[in-house]
Amino acid sequence: MAALKDRLHADLNTSMKARDQLTTATLRMVLTAVTTEEVAGAAARELSDEEVLRVVMREAKKRREAAEAFDGASRPELAARERAEGEVLARYLPRPLADDELVEIVRAAVAEAGATEPRQMGAVMKLVQQRVAGRADGKRVSDEVRRQLSGG
């Protein structure tokens, strides 16, 4: 079993014993998403740590988007709940990249790809996404790539 999945199960048991309803509900939700991913497709399989991490990242993104939607619909109590769930999930995500780290990664990828204009953005994005691996939001990455390719 993947180490991250084991950690999620152990933390779920701990939160249940502590009667921490928010953490318990959030971990149950993410473990359900992991199980769903495992049984999707032609044959059931065990997910690797990297695949489990992708599921956690996807669930965290859903929480951010839902919180924004609830804010827009004037439902602050629901937005707060989504943000709280996102904070629980953040415990399992890698440390986000600082702005200067992202700038350096993009600069190196632009040089490696030999990109000089915005229409070469796809090649640079491919290289950058491999290096940031979930430590930076896709929009943030694409904005920085676009800024550097347009001479900004």
N, C-alpha and C. Protein backbone atom coordinates (compact mmCIF):
# COMPACT_ATOMS: atom_id res chain seq x y z
N MET A 1 0.85 -1.18 0.00
CA MET A 1 0.00 0.00 0.00
C MET A 1 0.89 1.24 0.00
N ALA A 2 0.47 2.25 -0.69
CA ALA A 2 1.23 3.49 -0.79
C ALA A 2 1.36 4.14 0.59
N ALA A 3 2.54 4.71 0.85
CA ALA A 3 2.81 5.33 2.15
C ALA A 3 1.84 6.48 2.43
N LEU A 4 1.52 7.28 1.42
CA LEU A 4 0.59 8.39 1.62
C LEU A 4 -0.80 7.88 1.96
N LYS A 5 -1.22 6.83 1.31
CA LYS A 5 -2.53 6.25 1.61
C LYS A 5 -2.54 5.70 3.04
N ASP A 6 -1.46 5.05 3.46
CA ASP A 6 -1.34 4.56 4.83
C ASP A 6 -1.44 5.72 5.82
N ARG A 7 -0.78 6.83 5.50
CA ARG A 7 -0.81 8.00 6.38
C ARG A 7 -2.23 8.56 6.47
N LEU A 8 -2.93 8.60 5.33
CA LEU A 8 -4.32 9.08 5.34
C LEU A 8 -5.19 8.20 6.23
N HIS A 9 -5.03 6.88 6.12
CA HIS A 9 -5.80 5.95 6.96
C HIS A 9 -5.47 6.14 8.44
N ALA A 10 -4.19 6.25 8.77
CA ALA A 10 -3.78 6.42 10.16
C ALA A 10 -4.33 7.73 10.73
N ASP A 11 -4.24 8.80 9.94
CA ASP A 11 -4.76 10.10 10.39
C ASP A 11 -6.28 10.06 10.53
N LEU A 12 -6.95 9.30 9.68
CA LEU A 12 -8.40 9.14 9.80
C LEU A 12 -8.73 8.48 11.14
N ASN A 13 -8.03 7.41 11.47
CA ASN A 13 -8.28 6.74 12.76
C ASN A 13 -8.03 7.67 13.93
N THR A 14 -6.95 8.45 13.86
CA THR A 14 -6.63 9.40 14.92
C THR A 14 -7.72 10.46 15.05
N SER A 15 -8.19 10.98 13.93
CA SER A 15 -9.22 12.02 13.98
C SER A 15 -10.55 11.47 14.48
N MET A 16 -10.84 10.21 14.17
CA MET A 16 -12.07 9.61 14.67
C MET A 16 -12.00 9.45 16.19
N LYS A 17 -10.85 9.03 16.70
CA LYS A 17 -10.68 8.89 18.15
C LYS A 17 -10.76 10.24 18.85
N ALA A 18 -10.26 11.27 18.19
CA ALA A 18 -10.29 12.62 18.76
C ALA A 18 -11.63 13.32 18.55
N ARG A 19 -12.52 12.66 17.84
CA ARG A 19 -13.84 13.21 17.51
C ARG A 19 -13.74 14.55 16.74
N ASP A 20 -12.76 14.60 15.85
CA ASP A 20 -12.55 15.78 14.99
C ASP A 20 -13.38 15.56 13.72
N GLN A 21 -14.58 16.11 13.73
CA GLN A 21 -15.52 15.84 12.64
C GLN A 21 -15.04 16.37 11.29
N LEU A 22 -14.47 17.55 11.28
CA LEU A 22 -14.01 18.14 10.01
C LEU A 22 -12.92 17.26 9.37
N THR A 23 -11.90 16.92 10.13
CA THR A 23 -10.80 16.12 9.60
C THR A 23 -11.30 14.73 9.20
N THR A 24 -12.15 14.15 10.03
CA THR A 24 -12.69 12.82 9.72
C THR A 24 -13.46 12.84 8.40
N ALA A 25 -14.35 13.80 8.24
CA ALA A 25 -15.16 13.88 7.02
C ALA A 25 -14.28 14.13 5.80
N THR A 26 -13.30 15.01 5.94
CA THR A 26 -12.41 15.34 4.82
C THR A 26 -11.57 14.14 4.41
N LEU A 27 -11.01 13.44 5.39
CA LEU A 27 -10.17 12.27 5.07
C LEU A 27 -11.01 11.14 4.49
N ARG A 28 -12.21 10.96 4.98
CA ARG A 28 -13.09 9.95 4.39
C ARG A 28 -13.36 10.27 2.93
N MET A 29 -13.62 11.54 2.67
CA MET A 29 -13.91 11.98 1.30
C MET A 29 -12.72 11.72 0.38
N VAL A 30 -11.51 12.05 0.82
CA VAL A 30 -10.35 11.87 -0.04
C VAL A 30 -10.02 10.38 -0.20
N LEU A 31 -10.21 9.59 0.84
CA LEU A 31 -9.97 8.15 0.73
C LEU A 31 -10.99 7.49 -0.20
N THR A 32 -12.21 8.00 -0.20
CA THR A 32 -13.22 7.51 -1.14
C THR A 32 -12.80 7.83 -2.57
N ALA A 33 -12.27 9.03 -2.78
CA ALA A 33 -11.80 9.42 -4.11
C ALA A 33 -10.63 8.53 -4.54
N VAL A 34 -9.75 8.17 -3.61
CA VAL A 34 -8.62 7.29 -3.92
C VAL A 34 -9.14 5.91 -4.32
N THR A 35 -10.09 5.40 -3.55
CA THR A 35 -10.66 4.08 -3.85
C THR A 35 -11.36 4.08 -5.19
N THR A 36 -12.09 5.14 -5.49
CA THR A 36 -12.77 5.27 -6.77
C THR A 36 -11.76 5.23 -7.91
N GLU A 37 -10.66 5.92 -7.73
CA GLU A 37 -9.59 5.93 -8.74
C GLU A 37 -8.98 4.54 -8.90
N GLU A 38 -8.86 3.81 -7.80
CA GLU A 38 -8.27 2.47 -7.85
C GLU A 38 -9.13 1.48 -8.63
N VAL A 39 -10.44 1.64 -8.55
CA VAL A 39 -11.32 0.67 -9.22
C VAL A 39 -11.78 1.15 -10.59
N ALA A 40 -11.39 2.36 -10.97
CA ALA A 40 -11.75 2.87 -12.30
C ALA A 40 -10.93 2.15 -13.35
N GLY A 41 -11.52 1.94 -14.50
CA GLY A 41 -10.79 1.29 -15.58
C GLY A 41 -11.12 -0.19 -15.67
N ALA A 42 -10.35 -0.90 -16.45
CA ALA A 42 -10.61 -2.31 -16.74
C ALA A 42 -10.37 -3.21 -15.54
N ALA A 43 -9.32 -2.92 -14.75
CA ALA A 43 -8.99 -3.77 -13.61
C ALA A 43 -8.64 -2.91 -12.40
N ALA A 44 -9.01 -3.40 -11.22
CA ALA A 44 -8.66 -2.69 -9.99
C ALA A 44 -7.15 -2.75 -9.79
N ARG A 45 -6.59 -1.70 -9.22
CA ARG A 45 -5.15 -1.65 -9.01
C ARG A 45 -4.84 -0.80 -7.79
N GLU A 46 -3.66 -0.95 -7.29
CA GLU A 46 -3.17 -0.16 -6.16
C GLU A 46 -2.51 1.10 -6.71
N LEU A 47 -2.87 2.26 -6.17
CA LEU A 47 -2.27 3.51 -6.63
C LEU A 47 -0.90 3.72 -5.99
N SER A 48 0.00 4.32 -6.74
CA SER A 48 1.31 4.69 -6.20
C SER A 48 1.14 5.97 -5.38
N ASP A 49 2.18 6.32 -4.62
CA ASP A 49 2.14 7.55 -3.84
C ASP A 49 1.89 8.76 -4.73
N GLU A 50 2.53 8.77 -5.91
CA GLU A 50 2.37 9.88 -6.84
C GLU A 50 0.91 10.01 -7.30
N GLU A 51 0.28 8.87 -7.57
CA GLU A 51 -1.13 8.89 -8.01
C GLU A 51 -2.06 9.31 -6.87
N VAL A 52 -1.77 8.86 -5.64
CA VAL A 52 -2.57 9.26 -4.48
C VAL A 52 -2.42 10.77 -4.28
N LEU A 53 -1.20 11.28 -4.43
CA LEU A 53 -0.95 12.71 -4.30
C LEU A 53 -1.76 13.49 -5.33
N ARG A 54 -1.83 12.99 -6.56
CA ARG A 54 -2.63 13.67 -7.60
C ARG A 54 -4.10 13.73 -7.21
N VAL A 55 -4.61 12.65 -6.59
CA VAL A 55 -6.01 12.64 -6.14
C VAL A 55 -6.20 13.69 -5.05
N VAL A 56 -5.28 13.77 -4.10
CA VAL A 56 -5.38 14.75 -3.02
C VAL A 56 -5.32 16.16 -3.60
N MET A 57 -4.43 16.39 -4.58
CA MET A 57 -4.33 17.71 -5.22
C MET A 57 -5.63 18.07 -5.94
N ARG A 58 -6.21 17.10 -6.61
CA ARG A 58 -7.47 17.34 -7.33
C ARG A 58 -8.58 17.69 -6.35
N GLU A 59 -8.65 16.99 -5.23
CA GLU A 59 -9.68 17.27 -4.22
C GLU A 59 -9.46 18.64 -3.59
N ALA A 60 -8.20 19.01 -3.35
CA ALA A 60 -7.90 20.33 -2.78
C ALA A 60 -8.32 21.43 -3.76
N LYS A 61 -8.08 21.21 -5.04
CA LYS A 61 -8.48 22.19 -6.06
C LYS A 61 -10.01 22.34 -6.07
N LYS A 62 -10.71 21.22 -5.94
CA LYS A 62 -12.18 21.28 -5.89
C LYS A 62 -12.63 22.13 -4.72
N ARG A 63 -11.96 22.00 -3.58
CA ARG A 63 -12.33 22.78 -2.39
C ARG A 63 -12.10 24.28 -2.64
N ARG A 64 -10.98 24.63 -3.27
CA ARG A 64 -10.70 26.05 -3.56
C ARG A 64 -11.76 26.62 -4.49
N GLU A 65 -12.09 25.86 -5.55
CA GLU A 65 -13.08 26.34 -6.52
C GLU A 65 -14.47 26.45 -5.89
N ALA A 66 -14.82 25.49 -5.05
CA ALA A 66 -16.13 25.53 -4.39
C ALA A 66 -16.21 26.72 -3.44
N ALA A 67 -15.12 27.00 -2.71
CA ALA A 67 -15.11 28.14 -1.79
C ALA A 67 -15.31 29.45 -2.57
N GLU A 68 -14.66 29.57 -3.72
CA GLU A 68 -14.84 30.77 -4.55
C GLU A 68 -16.28 30.88 -5.04
N ALA A 69 -16.86 29.75 -5.44
CA ALA A 69 -18.25 29.76 -5.92
C ALA A 69 -19.20 30.15 -4.80
N PHE A 70 -18.99 29.62 -3.60
CA PHE A 70 -19.85 29.96 -2.46
C PHE A 70 -19.69 31.42 -2.08
N ASP A 71 -18.47 31.95 -2.16
CA ASP A 71 -18.26 33.38 -1.89
C ASP A 71 -19.06 34.22 -2.89
N GLY A 72 -19.01 33.83 -4.15
CA GLY A 72 -19.74 34.55 -5.20
C GLY A 72 -21.24 34.47 -5.03
N ALA A 73 -21.71 33.40 -4.37
CA ALA A 73 -23.15 33.22 -4.16
C ALA A 73 -23.58 33.73 -2.79
N SER A 74 -22.72 34.50 -2.13
CA SER A 74 -23.01 35.05 -0.80
C SER A 74 -23.37 33.96 0.21
N ARG A 75 -22.57 32.91 0.24
CA ARG A 75 -22.75 31.81 1.20
C ARG A 75 -21.44 31.63 1.98
N PRO A 76 -21.10 32.61 2.83
CA PRO A 76 -19.80 32.57 3.51
C PRO A 76 -19.61 31.36 4.42
N GLU A 77 -20.70 30.85 5.02
CA GLU A 77 -20.55 29.69 5.92
C GLU A 77 -20.12 28.44 5.14
N LEU A 78 -20.66 28.27 3.94
CA LEU A 78 -20.26 27.13 3.12
C LEU A 78 -18.86 27.31 2.56
N ALA A 79 -18.52 28.54 2.21
CA ALA A 79 -17.17 28.83 1.72
C ALA A 79 -16.15 28.55 2.82
N ALA A 80 -16.48 28.91 4.05
CA ALA A 80 -15.56 28.66 5.17
C ALA A 80 -15.34 27.17 5.38
N ARG A 81 -16.40 26.39 5.25
CA ARG A 81 -16.28 24.93 5.39
C ARG A 81 -15.36 24.36 4.30
N GLU A 82 -15.54 24.82 3.06
CA GLU A 82 -14.69 24.34 1.97
C GLU A 82 -13.23 24.71 2.20
N ARG A 83 -12.99 25.92 2.70
CA ARG A 83 -11.61 26.35 2.98
C ARG A 83 -11.00 25.52 4.10
N ALA A 84 -11.81 25.21 5.12
CA ALA A 84 -11.32 24.39 6.23
C ALA A 84 -10.95 22.99 5.73
N GLU A 85 -11.76 22.42 4.85
CA GLU A 85 -11.43 21.12 4.27
C GLU A 85 -10.16 21.22 3.44
N GLY A 86 -10.00 22.32 2.71
CA GLY A 86 -8.79 22.53 1.92
C GLY A 86 -7.55 22.60 2.80
N GLU A 87 -7.68 23.20 3.99
CA GLU A 87 -6.55 23.27 4.92
C GLU A 87 -6.17 21.89 5.44
N VAL A 88 -7.17 21.04 5.66
CA VAL A 88 -6.88 19.66 6.07
C VAL A 88 -6.10 18.96 4.97
N LEU A 89 -6.54 19.11 3.72
CA LEU A 89 -5.87 18.46 2.59
C LEU A 89 -4.47 19.02 2.37
N ALA A 90 -4.27 20.29 2.68
CA ALA A 90 -2.96 20.93 2.48
C ALA A 90 -1.87 20.25 3.30
N ARG A 91 -2.24 19.59 4.39
CA ARG A 91 -1.25 18.88 5.22
C ARG A 91 -0.55 17.77 4.44
N TYR A 92 -1.19 17.29 3.39
CA TYR A 92 -0.68 16.15 2.63
C TYR A 92 -0.04 16.56 1.31
N LEU A 93 -0.02 17.85 1.03
CA LEU A 93 0.54 18.35 -0.23
C LEU A 93 1.97 18.84 -0.01
N PRO A 94 2.80 18.78 -1.05
CA PRO A 94 4.17 19.30 -0.92
C PRO A 94 4.16 20.81 -0.71
N ARG A 95 5.25 21.31 -0.15
CA ARG A 95 5.38 22.74 0.11
C ARG A 95 5.29 23.50 -1.21
N PRO A 96 4.42 24.53 -1.26
CA PRO A 96 4.30 25.30 -2.51
C PRO A 96 5.59 26.04 -2.84
N LEU A 97 5.82 26.25 -4.12
CA LEU A 97 7.01 26.99 -4.57
C LEU A 97 6.86 28.47 -4.27
N ALA A 98 7.94 29.08 -3.85
CA ALA A 98 7.97 30.53 -3.69
C ALA A 98 8.06 31.15 -5.08
N ASP A 99 7.69 32.42 -5.19
CA ASP A 99 7.69 33.10 -6.48
C ASP A 99 9.07 33.07 -7.15
N ASP A 100 10.12 33.34 -6.35
CA ASP A 100 11.47 33.37 -6.95
C ASP A 100 11.90 31.98 -7.42
N GLU A 101 11.46 30.92 -6.71
CA GLU A 101 11.78 29.55 -7.16
C GLU A 101 11.10 29.25 -8.49
N LEU A 102 9.84 29.67 -8.62
CA LEU A 102 9.09 29.44 -9.85
C LEU A 102 9.74 30.21 -11.01
N VAL A 103 10.14 31.46 -10.77
CA VAL A 103 10.79 32.26 -11.81
C VAL A 103 12.04 31.55 -12.32
N GLU A 104 12.84 31.00 -11.41
CA GLU A 104 14.08 30.31 -11.80
C GLU A 104 13.79 29.04 -12.59
N ILE A 105 12.79 28.26 -12.16
CA ILE A 105 12.43 27.03 -12.88
C ILE A 105 11.97 27.36 -14.29
N VAL A 106 11.14 28.39 -14.42
CA VAL A 106 10.64 28.79 -15.74
C VAL A 106 11.79 29.31 -16.60
N ARG A 107 12.68 30.10 -16.01
CA ARG A 107 13.82 30.64 -16.76
C ARG A 107 14.67 29.49 -17.31
N ALA A 108 14.94 28.48 -16.49
CA ALA A 108 15.74 27.33 -16.93
C ALA A 108 15.01 26.55 -18.03
N ALA A 109 13.70 26.39 -17.91
CA ALA A 109 12.93 25.65 -18.92
C ALA A 109 12.89 26.41 -20.24
N VAL A 110 12.79 27.73 -20.18
CA VAL A 110 12.79 28.55 -21.41
C VAL A 110 14.13 28.38 -22.11
N ALA A 111 15.21 28.42 -21.35
CA ALA A 111 16.54 28.26 -21.94
C ALA A 111 16.71 26.85 -22.52
N GLU A 112 16.25 25.84 -21.79
CA GLU A 112 16.39 24.45 -22.26
C GLU A 112 15.59 24.21 -23.54
N ALA A 113 14.39 24.80 -23.61
CA ALA A 113 13.55 24.61 -24.80
C ALA A 113 13.99 25.52 -25.95
N GLY A 114 14.81 26.50 -25.65
CA GLY A 114 15.23 27.44 -26.68
C GLY A 114 14.08 28.31 -27.14
N ALA A 115 13.11 28.52 -26.28
CA ALA A 115 11.91 29.29 -26.63
C ALA A 115 12.22 30.78 -26.61
N THR A 116 11.67 31.48 -27.60
CA THR A 116 11.89 32.92 -27.69
C THR A 116 10.61 33.71 -27.88
N GLU A 117 9.50 33.02 -28.12
CA GLU A 117 8.24 33.73 -28.37
C GLU A 117 7.06 32.98 -27.74
N PRO A 118 5.96 33.69 -27.50
CA PRO A 118 4.81 33.12 -26.80
C PRO A 118 4.22 31.86 -27.46
N ARG A 119 4.35 31.70 -28.76
CA ARG A 119 3.74 30.53 -29.39
C ARG A 119 4.50 29.24 -29.06
N GLN A 120 5.64 29.35 -28.41
CA GLN A 120 6.41 28.18 -27.98
C GLN A 120 6.10 27.82 -26.52
N MET A 121 5.02 28.38 -26.02
CA MET A 121 4.65 28.20 -24.61
C MET A 121 4.42 26.74 -24.25
N GLY A 122 3.83 25.96 -25.14
CA GLY A 122 3.53 24.56 -24.86
C GLY A 122 4.76 23.74 -24.50
N ALA A 123 5.82 23.93 -25.24
CA ALA A 123 7.06 23.19 -24.97
C ALA A 123 7.63 23.55 -23.61
N VAL A 124 7.58 24.83 -23.28
CA VAL A 124 8.10 25.29 -21.99
C VAL A 124 7.21 24.77 -20.85
N MET A 125 5.90 24.83 -21.03
CA MET A 125 4.96 24.37 -20.01
C MET A 125 5.20 22.89 -19.69
N LYS A 126 5.45 22.10 -20.71
CA LYS A 126 5.68 20.67 -20.52
C LYS A 126 6.88 20.45 -19.59
N LEU A 127 7.97 21.17 -19.85
CA LEU A 127 9.16 21.05 -19.02
C LEU A 127 8.91 21.55 -17.59
N VAL A 128 8.23 22.68 -17.47
CA VAL A 128 8.00 23.27 -16.15
C VAL A 128 7.09 22.37 -15.32
N GLN A 129 6.03 21.86 -15.91
CA GLN A 129 5.08 21.03 -15.15
C GLN A 129 5.77 19.80 -14.57
N GLN A 130 6.72 19.23 -15.29
CA GLN A 130 7.46 18.08 -14.77
C GLN A 130 8.26 18.46 -13.54
N ARG A 131 8.77 19.67 -13.51
CA ARG A 131 9.65 20.11 -12.42
C ARG A 131 8.89 20.62 -11.21
N VAL A 132 7.71 21.20 -11.42
CA VAL A 132 6.98 21.74 -10.26
C VAL A 132 6.10 20.68 -9.60
N ALA A 133 5.66 19.68 -10.34
CA ALA A 133 4.92 18.52 -9.82
C ALA A 133 3.99 18.85 -8.66
N GLY A 134 3.01 19.69 -8.92
CA GLY A 134 1.99 19.96 -7.92
C GLY A 134 2.36 20.98 -6.86
N ARG A 135 3.52 21.59 -6.98
CA ARG A 135 3.91 22.58 -5.97
C ARG A 135 3.55 24.00 -6.38
N ALA A 136 2.95 24.15 -7.58
CA ALA A 136 2.49 25.46 -8.03
C ALA A 136 1.24 25.27 -8.87
N ASP A 137 0.29 26.16 -8.70
CA ASP A 137 -0.96 26.13 -9.45
C ASP A 137 -0.68 26.33 -10.94
N GLY A 138 -1.40 25.62 -11.79
CA GLY A 138 -1.20 25.69 -13.23
C GLY A 138 -1.34 27.09 -13.79
N LYS A 139 -2.30 27.85 -13.27
CA LYS A 139 -2.49 29.23 -13.75
C LYS A 139 -1.28 30.09 -13.40
N ARG A 140 -0.77 29.91 -12.20
CA ARG A 140 0.40 30.66 -11.77
C ARG A 140 1.60 30.33 -12.67
N VAL A 141 1.75 29.06 -13.00
CA VAL A 141 2.86 28.63 -13.86
C VAL A 141 2.69 29.23 -15.26
N SER A 142 1.49 29.09 -15.84
CA SER A 142 1.29 29.60 -17.20
C SER A 142 1.45 31.12 -17.27
N ASP A 143 1.03 31.83 -16.23
CA ASP A 143 1.20 33.28 -16.20
C ASP A 143 2.69 33.65 -16.23
N GLU A 144 3.50 32.91 -15.45
CA GLU A 144 4.94 33.20 -15.42
C GLU A 144 5.61 32.85 -16.74
N VAL A 145 5.23 31.73 -17.34
CA VAL A 145 5.80 31.34 -18.64
C VAL A 145 5.44 32.40 -19.69
N ARG A 146 4.19 32.82 -19.70
CA ARG A 146 3.73 33.83 -20.65
C ARG A 146 4.50 35.14 -20.44
N ARG A 147 4.69 35.53 -19.16
CA ARG A 147 5.39 36.77 -18.86
C ARG A 147 6.83 36.71 -19.38
N GLN A 148 7.51 35.59 -19.16
CA GLN A 148 8.90 35.50 -19.58
C GLN A 148 9.03 35.39 -21.11
N LEU A 149 8.10 34.73 -21.76
CA LEU A 149 8.19 34.59 -23.22
C LEU A 149 7.81 35.87 -23.94
N SER A 150 7.02 36.73 -23.30
CA SER A 150 6.63 37.97 -23.97
C SER A 150 7.59 39.10 -23.60
N GLY A 151 8.70 38.74 -22.93
CA GLY A 151 9.72 39.73 -22.63
C GLY A 151 9.42 40.57 -21.41
N GLY A 152 8.49 40.08 -20.55
CA GLY A 152 8.09 40.85 -19.37
C GLY A 152 8.92 40.75 -18.21
